[in-house]
Amino acid sequence: MTFESKEKQSLDIEDFPFRTFDKVRYADTDRQGHVNNAAFSSYLETGRVEFLYDPQNPLAADNKSFVIASLTLRFVSEINWPGKVDIGTGVTKVGNSSLSLYQGLFQDGQCAATAETIIVQIDDSSKKAFRLTDIARAFLKQYELDPFQ
């Protein structure tokens, strides 16, 4: 069951166990003067990359990669330039070879978008799903989020 099929609690950036930010660039804007919808995905990517790809503590096993299997993005309000976007990330499920993230984009404390992403760890040579390591599982469990509590 996805979050879309349940009534969501309104989350604030502080409710997310992992937080970062991105700068809104002038180039992110469109003809209407607000941030183009494609830039929202780039902001979400910033949050995922900072969460999953810490060079000091890599989560993916050797010769393995994370790939997006599904991404659902819900637009709530505009993001405007100039400014910054706060990005919240939490883990909602840890499977055998996959994990599910719930993210929120916020500007000036207001939610601008939410996203659900399913990510699978694959073997780089076979391109088949590969089981998450116990170290990755333990890390991911620290960042669990239940948006319905």
Foldseek 3Di string as FASTA:
>chain_A
DDVVVDDFDDDWQVQFPDKDKFWDDQVQADPVQFGDPVVVVVGQVVRVCVLQPDVVDHQADPQKDKDWPDKDKDFDATHHPGFMKMKGKAWADDDFFKTKIWMFIDTPGHTGMIMIIIMGIARNPVRHGDGGDPVNVVSRVSRHHDRHD
